[in-house]
N, C-alpha and C. Protein backbone atom coordinates (compact mmCIF):
# COMPACT_ATOMS: atom_id res chain seq x y z
N MET A 1 110.00 108.06 115.24
CA MET A 1 108.62 107.60 115.20
C MET A 1 108.13 107.56 113.75
N LEU A 2 107.44 106.50 113.40
CA LEU A 2 106.91 106.38 112.05
C LEU A 2 105.68 107.27 111.89
N PRO A 3 105.42 107.75 110.68
CA PRO A 3 104.29 108.67 110.45
C PRO A 3 102.96 107.97 110.17
N TYR A 4 102.84 106.72 110.60
CA TYR A 4 101.63 105.95 110.28
C TYR A 4 100.81 105.71 111.54
N ILE A 5 99.49 105.64 111.35
CA ILE A 5 98.58 105.40 112.46
C ILE A 5 97.51 104.40 112.06
N ILE A 6 96.89 103.81 113.09
CA ILE A 6 95.67 103.03 112.91
C ILE A 6 94.58 103.79 113.66
N VAL A 7 93.47 104.02 113.00
CA VAL A 7 92.35 104.75 113.59
C VAL A 7 91.23 103.75 113.86
N PHE A 8 90.72 103.79 115.08
CA PHE A 8 89.61 102.95 115.50
C PHE A 8 88.32 103.77 115.41
N ILE A 9 87.33 103.20 114.75
CA ILE A 9 86.02 103.84 114.62
C ILE A 9 84.96 102.77 114.82
N THR A 10 84.01 103.00 115.70
CA THR A 10 82.88 102.08 115.84
C THR A 10 81.65 102.69 115.17
N VAL A 11 80.84 101.83 114.57
CA VAL A 11 79.61 102.25 113.89
C VAL A 11 78.49 101.28 114.22
N SER A 12 77.27 101.71 113.99
CA SER A 12 76.11 100.92 114.39
C SER A 12 75.73 99.81 113.43
N SER A 13 76.22 99.86 112.18
CA SER A 13 75.79 98.85 111.21
C SER A 13 76.86 98.61 110.15
N HIS A 14 76.73 97.49 109.47
CA HIS A 14 77.64 97.18 108.36
C HIS A 14 77.46 98.20 107.24
N GLN A 15 76.25 98.64 107.02
CA GLN A 15 75.98 99.65 105.99
C GLN A 15 76.74 100.94 106.29
N ASP A 16 76.71 101.40 107.55
CA ASP A 16 77.46 102.60 107.93
C ASP A 16 78.96 102.36 107.79
N ALA A 17 79.42 101.17 108.15
CA ALA A 17 80.84 100.83 108.03
C ALA A 17 81.29 100.93 106.58
N MET A 18 80.52 100.37 105.66
CA MET A 18 80.87 100.40 104.25
C MET A 18 80.86 101.82 103.71
N LYS A 19 79.88 102.61 104.12
CA LYS A 19 79.79 104.00 103.65
C LYS A 19 81.05 104.77 104.05
N ILE A 20 81.45 104.64 105.31
CA ILE A 20 82.62 105.36 105.80
C ILE A 20 83.90 104.80 105.16
N ALA A 21 84.02 103.48 105.10
CA ALA A 21 85.21 102.86 104.51
C ALA A 21 85.38 103.29 103.05
N ASP A 22 84.31 103.21 102.28
CA ASP A 22 84.38 103.60 100.87
C ASP A 22 84.82 105.05 100.72
N GLU A 23 84.24 105.92 101.51
CA GLU A 23 84.57 107.34 101.40
C GLU A 23 86.03 107.62 101.78
N LEU A 24 86.52 106.98 102.83
CA LEU A 24 87.89 107.21 103.26
C LEU A 24 88.90 106.71 102.23
N VAL A 25 88.63 105.55 101.64
CA VAL A 25 89.54 105.00 100.63
C VAL A 25 89.42 105.80 99.33
N ASP A 26 88.19 106.11 98.91
CA ASP A 26 88.00 106.86 97.66
C ASP A 26 88.65 108.24 97.72
N SER A 27 88.61 108.88 98.88
CA SER A 27 89.19 110.22 99.02
C SER A 27 90.68 110.19 99.35
N LYS A 28 91.25 108.99 99.41
CA LYS A 28 92.67 108.78 99.69
C LYS A 28 93.08 109.26 101.08
N LEU A 29 92.13 109.22 102.01
CA LEU A 29 92.44 109.51 103.41
C LEU A 29 92.88 108.25 104.13
N ALA A 30 92.64 107.09 103.53
CA ALA A 30 93.01 105.81 104.13
C ALA A 30 93.51 104.87 103.04
N ALA A 31 94.53 104.09 103.39
CA ALA A 31 95.02 103.08 102.47
C ALA A 31 94.14 101.84 102.53
N CYS A 32 93.65 101.52 103.73
CA CYS A 32 92.88 100.31 103.95
C CYS A 32 91.97 100.51 105.15
N VAL A 33 90.78 99.95 105.07
CA VAL A 33 89.86 99.93 106.21
C VAL A 33 89.39 98.50 106.40
N ASN A 34 89.72 97.93 107.54
CA ASN A 34 89.18 96.61 107.91
C ASN A 34 87.87 96.83 108.65
N ILE A 35 86.87 96.03 108.30
CA ILE A 35 85.57 96.10 108.97
C ILE A 35 85.39 94.81 109.75
N ILE A 36 85.27 94.96 111.05
CA ILE A 36 85.11 93.81 111.94
C ILE A 36 83.69 93.83 112.51
N PRO A 37 82.83 92.92 112.04
CA PRO A 37 81.45 92.90 112.54
C PRO A 37 81.38 92.18 113.89
N GLY A 38 80.25 92.35 114.56
CA GLY A 38 79.98 91.58 115.77
C GLY A 38 80.73 92.03 117.00
N VAL A 39 81.09 93.29 117.06
CA VAL A 39 81.75 93.83 118.25
C VAL A 39 80.66 94.23 119.25
N ARG A 40 80.80 93.80 120.47
CA ARG A 40 79.84 94.17 121.52
C ARG A 40 80.47 95.27 122.37
N SER A 41 79.81 96.41 122.46
CA SER A 41 80.31 97.54 123.23
C SER A 41 79.44 97.76 124.46
N VAL A 42 80.09 97.92 125.60
CA VAL A 42 79.42 98.21 126.87
C VAL A 42 80.01 99.53 127.36
N PHE A 43 79.13 100.52 127.63
CA PHE A 43 79.62 101.85 127.97
C PHE A 43 78.55 102.63 128.72
N MET A 44 78.97 103.70 129.33
CA MET A 44 78.05 104.61 130.01
C MET A 44 77.71 105.75 129.04
N TRP A 45 76.42 106.04 128.92
CA TRP A 45 75.99 107.15 128.07
C TRP A 45 74.82 107.84 128.75
N ASN A 46 74.97 109.12 128.99
CA ASN A 46 73.94 109.92 129.67
C ASN A 46 73.53 109.30 131.00
N GLY A 47 74.52 108.82 131.75
CA GLY A 47 74.28 108.27 133.07
C GLY A 47 73.69 106.88 133.11
N LYS A 48 73.61 106.23 131.95
CA LYS A 48 73.00 104.90 131.87
C LYS A 48 73.96 103.94 131.18
N LYS A 49 74.05 102.72 131.69
CA LYS A 49 74.89 101.73 131.04
C LYS A 49 74.19 101.20 129.79
N GLU A 50 74.92 101.20 128.70
CA GLU A 50 74.42 100.72 127.41
C GLU A 50 75.23 99.49 126.99
N SER A 51 74.62 98.63 126.20
CA SER A 51 75.30 97.48 125.63
C SER A 51 74.71 97.26 124.23
N ILE A 52 75.54 97.46 123.20
CA ILE A 52 75.05 97.38 121.82
C ILE A 52 76.03 96.62 120.94
N ASP A 53 75.52 96.08 119.84
CA ASP A 53 76.35 95.45 118.81
C ASP A 53 76.78 96.53 117.82
N GLU A 54 78.04 96.48 117.45
CA GLU A 54 78.59 97.46 116.52
C GLU A 54 79.55 96.75 115.56
N CYS A 55 80.03 97.50 114.59
CA CYS A 55 81.14 97.11 113.75
C CYS A 55 82.31 98.01 114.12
N LEU A 56 83.50 97.43 114.06
CA LEU A 56 84.72 98.20 114.33
C LEU A 56 85.48 98.37 113.03
N LEU A 57 85.87 99.59 112.76
CA LEU A 57 86.71 99.89 111.60
C LEU A 57 88.13 100.12 112.08
N LEU A 58 89.08 99.47 111.41
CA LEU A 58 90.51 99.70 111.64
C LEU A 58 91.05 100.36 110.38
N VAL A 59 91.42 101.60 110.51
CA VAL A 59 91.81 102.42 109.37
C VAL A 59 93.32 102.64 109.38
N LYS A 60 93.99 102.26 108.29
CA LYS A 60 95.42 102.49 108.17
C LYS A 60 95.66 103.72 107.32
N THR A 61 96.41 104.67 107.89
CA THR A 61 96.64 105.94 107.22
C THR A 61 97.91 106.59 107.75
N LYS A 62 98.11 107.85 107.38
CA LYS A 62 99.25 108.62 107.86
C LYS A 62 98.80 109.60 108.95
N GLU A 63 99.68 109.83 109.87
CA GLU A 63 99.38 110.68 111.01
C GLU A 63 98.90 112.08 110.60
N ASN A 64 99.51 112.65 109.59
CA ASN A 64 99.14 114.01 109.20
C ASN A 64 97.77 114.09 108.51
N TYR A 65 97.13 112.95 108.27
CA TYR A 65 95.79 112.94 107.68
C TYR A 65 94.69 112.83 108.74
N PHE A 66 95.08 112.64 110.00
CA PHE A 66 94.08 112.36 111.02
C PHE A 66 93.01 113.44 111.12
N SER A 67 93.38 114.68 111.13
CA SER A 67 92.40 115.76 111.30
C SER A 67 91.36 115.75 110.18
N ARG A 68 91.82 115.61 108.93
CA ARG A 68 90.88 115.57 107.80
C ARG A 68 90.03 114.29 107.84
N LEU A 69 90.64 113.18 108.22
CA LEU A 69 89.91 111.92 108.34
C LEU A 69 88.82 112.05 109.41
N LYS A 70 89.18 112.59 110.56
CA LYS A 70 88.23 112.78 111.66
C LYS A 70 87.05 113.65 111.21
N ASP A 71 87.35 114.75 110.53
CA ASP A 71 86.27 115.64 110.06
C ASP A 71 85.35 114.93 109.08
N LYS A 72 85.93 114.13 108.17
CA LYS A 72 85.13 113.39 107.19
C LYS A 72 84.24 112.37 107.88
N VAL A 73 84.79 111.64 108.84
CA VAL A 73 84.01 110.62 109.56
C VAL A 73 82.87 111.29 110.32
N LYS A 74 83.14 112.41 110.96
CA LYS A 74 82.08 113.10 111.72
C LYS A 74 80.94 113.55 110.80
N GLN A 75 81.25 113.90 109.55
CA GLN A 75 80.22 114.28 108.58
C GLN A 75 79.33 113.09 108.22
N LEU A 76 79.94 111.91 108.14
CA LEU A 76 79.24 110.72 107.67
C LEU A 76 78.61 109.89 108.78
N HIS A 77 79.08 110.04 110.00
CA HIS A 77 78.72 109.15 111.11
C HIS A 77 77.34 109.46 111.66
N SER A 78 76.65 108.42 112.12
CA SER A 78 75.30 108.59 112.67
C SER A 78 75.29 108.90 114.16
N TYR A 79 76.42 108.69 114.85
CA TYR A 79 76.47 108.93 116.29
C TYR A 79 76.69 110.41 116.62
N GLU A 80 76.14 110.82 117.74
CA GLU A 80 76.34 112.17 118.24
C GLU A 80 77.81 112.39 118.62
N THR A 81 78.42 111.39 119.24
CA THR A 81 79.82 111.46 119.67
C THR A 81 80.54 110.18 119.21
N PRO A 82 80.97 110.15 117.95
CA PRO A 82 81.58 108.92 117.45
C PRO A 82 82.98 108.69 118.02
N GLU A 83 83.30 107.42 118.18
CA GLU A 83 84.67 107.04 118.54
C GLU A 83 85.54 107.17 117.30
N ILE A 84 86.54 108.04 117.40
CA ILE A 84 87.52 108.21 116.33
C ILE A 84 88.84 108.44 117.06
N ILE A 85 89.59 107.36 117.29
CA ILE A 85 90.84 107.47 118.03
C ILE A 85 91.95 106.81 117.25
N SER A 86 93.16 107.29 117.45
CA SER A 86 94.28 106.73 116.70
C SER A 86 95.37 106.23 117.64
N ILE A 87 96.11 105.25 117.12
CA ILE A 87 97.31 104.79 117.80
C ILE A 87 98.45 104.82 116.80
N GLN A 88 99.61 105.11 117.29
CA GLN A 88 100.81 105.19 116.46
C GLN A 88 101.29 103.79 116.10
N ILE A 89 101.71 103.62 114.87
CA ILE A 89 102.37 102.39 114.45
C ILE A 89 103.86 102.58 114.72
N SER A 90 104.41 101.80 115.61
CA SER A 90 105.82 101.98 115.98
C SER A 90 106.76 101.16 115.09
N GLU A 91 106.27 100.06 114.56
CA GLU A 91 107.06 99.22 113.66
C GLU A 91 106.11 98.55 112.68
N GLY A 92 106.66 98.11 111.54
CA GLY A 92 105.82 97.42 110.58
C GLY A 92 106.63 96.88 109.42
N ASN A 93 105.99 96.04 108.64
CA ASN A 93 106.57 95.52 107.42
C ASN A 93 106.79 96.69 106.46
N GLN A 94 108.04 96.95 106.11
CA GLN A 94 108.35 98.12 105.29
C GLN A 94 107.63 98.09 103.95
N ASP A 95 107.45 96.92 103.36
CA ASP A 95 106.69 96.83 102.10
C ASP A 95 105.26 97.33 102.29
N TYR A 96 104.65 96.98 103.42
CA TYR A 96 103.28 97.42 103.71
C TYR A 96 103.25 98.92 103.95
N LEU A 97 104.21 99.43 104.70
CA LEU A 97 104.27 100.87 104.96
C LEU A 97 104.49 101.65 103.67
N ASP A 98 105.30 101.12 102.78
CA ASP A 98 105.50 101.75 101.47
C ASP A 98 104.19 101.77 100.68
N TRP A 99 103.41 100.69 100.80
CA TRP A 99 102.12 100.62 100.13
C TRP A 99 101.16 101.69 100.67
N ILE A 100 101.19 101.92 102.00
CA ILE A 100 100.38 103.00 102.57
C ILE A 100 100.80 104.33 101.93
N ASP A 101 102.08 104.58 101.82
CA ASP A 101 102.56 105.81 101.20
C ASP A 101 102.02 105.98 99.78
N LYS A 102 102.02 104.90 99.00
CA LYS A 102 101.52 104.97 97.62
C LYS A 102 100.00 105.14 97.58
N SER A 103 99.31 104.58 98.56
CA SER A 103 97.85 104.59 98.55
C SER A 103 97.24 105.90 99.03
N VAL A 104 97.96 106.62 99.88
CA VAL A 104 97.46 107.91 100.38
C VAL A 104 98.47 109.01 100.12
N PRO A 105 98.84 109.20 98.85
CA PRO A 105 99.86 110.20 98.54
C PRO A 105 99.34 111.62 98.64
N GLY A 106 98.05 111.78 98.50
CA GLY A 106 97.43 113.10 98.59
C GLY A 106 95.96 112.94 98.82
N CYS A 107 95.37 113.91 99.42
CA CYS A 107 93.95 113.83 99.79
C CYS A 107 93.08 114.44 98.71
N ASN A 108 92.09 113.71 98.25
CA ASN A 108 91.12 114.22 97.28
C ASN A 108 89.85 114.70 98.00
N CYS A 109 90.03 115.40 99.10
CA CYS A 109 88.85 115.81 99.87
C CYS A 109 88.61 117.29 99.76
């Protein structure tokens, strides 16, 4: 299994997305954060169905950084219960994976 993951994070605004993305890249917890605007989320919250517009962040990093990344996002996030979930990267362009290694060699957090 490769040691790389993609972390999904939803946020309420582009401003929040940029704040989190900048912090994760600056602290070397993430090699790259894609910000996808215009995501519509439908979910149950406190017994009521909600439907809101959000931005989705796709964070490329290493598996062993997830705990520190999650803690950092929870500090910065405006939601009471933010979505911070990861999926394993099973295969990838080796040049790109090498770039992730160079981009997150150590955490400055």
